Structure formats: C-alpha cells, structure tokens
Amino acid sequence: MVRLIPSDEPLITTLLWTVLLSVPFAALLAIRDWQPLSWSGVGWVLASTLFNLGYQGCAIAAYKRAHASQIALAEYSGLVFVTLAGIIGFHEIPDWWTLAGIALIIGPMLIRKKNTGTAKEIPPAPAFIKE
C-alpha cells in the first residue's frame, strides 16, 4: 500500500490520514466499554500514541525506500521483542499457541533468508505503482 503513496507526499500527511481514518473505528469499538480516564490514563494514551506514530512514520519511510521483502523480517521480528517485553515487564508467560504463531510467522522467513543467501534482483514494479 505504501507504494501507492505519491513520492512527493510528506510523511506527516500520510500519518495524519492514518490517524483520521482510524479514530472513528477505534471510537466505535470503545463506545461499548467506555470508562472515564484518569489523568494518568490520559498520559498513557498520549505516550502510546506518540510511540505508535513514531513506529508508523519509520515504517512508512522504510517501505518508501525499500522493497517490502527487505523490511518484513525486521518488522515481524518485533513479535519476539513484544513477547519478551510482556514476559519481563508484565510477567505474562506466552502460551503454546502464541509461540506457535510466532514460529509460523518468523520461521519461514528465516528459512527463506538462509536458503537464498544473498538478495536477488527485484523485478521492476508495474508502471502504475512506481514512485
């Protein structure tokens, strides 16, 4: 999808559209179980939003500069780090289904990376996708 973003569109514009389009869906999901937020809760929401925007900005910039197959392993490896953060920070021990899911997502990429050795030439994108 990032390849469809015009190359001259500023990153902040892409992030703005992402937020504006996702807020109504998040609001629909939150209405049913809404509870008033404390000020510390507002702080956590703001911190989470800033980190999320930082991640999205980095991901969009990376996908604009490289092919998705070159970025996927790094992005999906985040599952491992999030799981470790859950274990260390929240004492949440993942069940076998979680570990199996992580293995099913990351395993094939590791095997493919090992078998291919060096990166192959990426064929050119169709004309309607080029930046």
Protein backbone atom coordinates (compact mmCIF):
# COMPACT_ATOMS: atom_id res chain seq x y z
CA MET A 1 0.00 0.00 0.00
CA VAL A 2 2.88 2.37 0.70
CA ARG A 3 3.96 2.11 -2.95
CA LEU A 4 0.66 3.79 -3.82
CA ILE A 5 1.55 6.88 -1.79
CA PRO A 6 2.92 9.62 -4.04
CA SER A 7 6.65 10.08 -3.51
CA ASP A 8 6.26 13.82 -3.02
CA GLU A 9 3.64 13.46 -0.26
CA PRO A 10 5.11 14.47 3.12
CA LEU A 11 5.30 11.81 5.81
CA ILE A 12 3.22 13.94 8.19
CA THR A 13 0.35 13.96 5.68
CA THR A 14 0.34 10.17 5.49
CA LEU A 15 0.35 9.93 9.29
CA LEU A 16 -2.48 12.46 9.55
CA TRP A 17 -4.66 10.46 7.15
CA THR A 18 -3.86 7.26 9.06
CA VAL A 19 -4.99 8.80 12.34
CA LEU A 20 -8.08 10.47 10.87
CA LEU A 21 -9.25 7.24 9.26
CA SER A 22 -8.56 5.02 12.27
CA VAL A 23 -10.09 7.16 15.04
CA PRO A 24 -13.73 6.58 14.00
CA PHE A 25 -13.22 2.81 14.01
CA ALA A 26 -11.47 2.91 17.39
CA ALA A 27 -14.30 5.07 18.77
CA LEU A 28 -16.91 2.55 17.60
CA LEU A 29 -15.04 -0.23 19.40
CA ALA A 30 -14.60 1.85 22.57
CA ILE A 31 -18.21 3.04 22.95
CA ARG A 32 -19.50 -0.25 24.35
CA ASP A 33 -16.97 -0.49 27.21
CA TRP A 34 -16.09 3.18 27.72
CA GLN A 35 -14.94 4.23 31.18
CA PRO A 36 -13.78 7.69 32.25
CA LEU A 37 -10.00 8.13 32.08
CA SER A 38 -7.86 9.30 34.94
CA TRP A 39 -5.08 11.80 34.22
CA SER A 40 -2.51 9.03 34.43
CA GLY A 41 -4.60 7.11 31.89
CA VAL A 42 -4.57 10.12 29.58
CA GLY A 43 -0.78 10.22 29.95
CA TRP A 44 -0.53 6.55 28.94
CA VAL A 45 -2.79 7.14 25.94
CA LEU A 46 -0.66 10.09 24.80
CA ALA A 47 2.59 8.16 25.28
CA SER A 48 1.19 5.19 23.39
CA THR A 49 0.03 7.47 20.58
CA LEU A 50 3.43 9.13 20.26
CA PHE A 51 5.25 5.79 20.14
CA ASN A 52 2.73 4.44 17.64
CA LEU A 53 3.14 7.48 15.38
CA GLY A 54 6.91 7.13 15.62
CA TYR A 55 6.70 3.49 14.58
CA GLN A 56 4.29 4.22 11.73
CA GLY A 57 6.48 7.05 10.48
CA CYS A 58 9.56 4.84 10.46
CA ALA A 59 7.68 2.00 8.75
CA ILE A 60 6.26 4.26 6.04
CA ALA A 61 9.68 5.82 5.41
CA ALA A 62 11.29 2.37 5.20
CA TYR A 63 8.66 0.98 2.82
CA LYS A 64 9.05 4.05 0.58
CA ARG A 65 12.80 3.40 0.30
CA ALA A 66 13.00 -0.40 0.02
CA HIS A 67 11.05 -3.41 -1.20
CA ALA A 68 8.68 -4.95 1.35
CA SER A 69 10.55 -8.28 1.34
CA GLN A 70 13.66 -6.49 2.60
CA ILE A 71 11.80 -4.99 5.56
CA ALA A 72 9.39 -7.77 6.53
CA LEU A 73 11.81 -9.82 8.65
CA ALA A 74 12.82 -6.79 10.69
CA GLU A 75 9.21 -5.74 11.17
CA TYR A 76 7.92 -9.19 12.11
CA SER A 77 10.82 -9.78 14.48
CA GLY A 78 9.06 -7.18 16.62
CA LEU A 79 6.75 -10.01 17.72
CA VAL A 80 9.67 -11.58 19.56
CA PHE A 81 10.58 -8.32 21.30
CA VAL A 82 6.98 -7.59 22.28
CA THR A 83 6.69 -11.08 23.71
CA LEU A 84 9.92 -10.58 25.68
CA ALA A 85 8.65 -7.20 26.92
CA GLY A 86 5.45 -8.91 28.10
CA ILE A 87 7.43 -11.55 29.95
CA ILE A 88 9.85 -9.09 31.58
CA GLY A 89 7.57 -6.10 32.17
CA PHE A 90 4.21 -7.71 32.86
CA HIS A 91 5.10 -11.28 33.88
CA GLU A 92 2.91 -12.62 31.07
CA ILE A 93 4.05 -16.06 30.04
CA PRO A 94 3.00 -16.81 26.45
CA ASP A 95 1.06 -20.00 25.88
CA TRP A 96 1.95 -22.59 23.23
CA TRP A 97 -0.48 -21.08 20.73
CA THR A 98 1.35 -17.74 20.91
CA LEU A 99 4.74 -19.38 20.48
CA ALA A 100 3.45 -21.49 17.60
CA GLY A 101 2.04 -18.38 15.92
CA ILE A 102 5.34 -16.55 16.23
CA ALA A 103 7.17 -19.58 14.83
CA LEU A 104 4.73 -19.79 11.89
CA ILE A 105 5.26 -16.12 11.05
CA ILE A 106 9.01 -15.79 11.53
CA GLY A 107 10.17 -19.35 10.79
CA PRO A 108 9.52 -19.38 7.03
CA MET A 109 11.25 -16.02 6.62
CA LEU A 110 14.34 -17.27 8.45
CA ILE A 111 14.43 -20.42 6.33
CA ARG A 112 13.98 -18.43 3.12
CA LYS A 113 16.71 -15.98 4.13
CA LYS A 114 19.08 -18.86 4.91
CA ASN A 115 18.38 -20.64 1.60
CA THR A 116 18.66 -17.59 -0.62
CA GLY A 117 21.97 -16.39 0.77
CA THR A 118 22.22 -13.04 -0.99
CA ALA A 119 19.43 -10.78 -2.06
CA LYS A 120 18.16 -11.38 -5.58
CA GLU A 121 17.44 -8.64 -8.06
CA ILE A 122 13.93 -7.36 -7.55
CA PRO A 123 11.93 -7.09 -10.77
CA PRO A 124 10.71 -3.59 -11.59
CA ALA A 125 7.30 -2.59 -10.29
CA PRO A 126 4.42 -2.11 -12.75
CA ALA A 127 4.10 1.40 -14.13
CA PHE A 128 1.05 2.27 -12.03
CA ILE A 129 2.93 1.51 -8.79
CA LYS A 130 6.23 3.27 -9.47
CA GLU A 131 7.00 6.34 -7.41
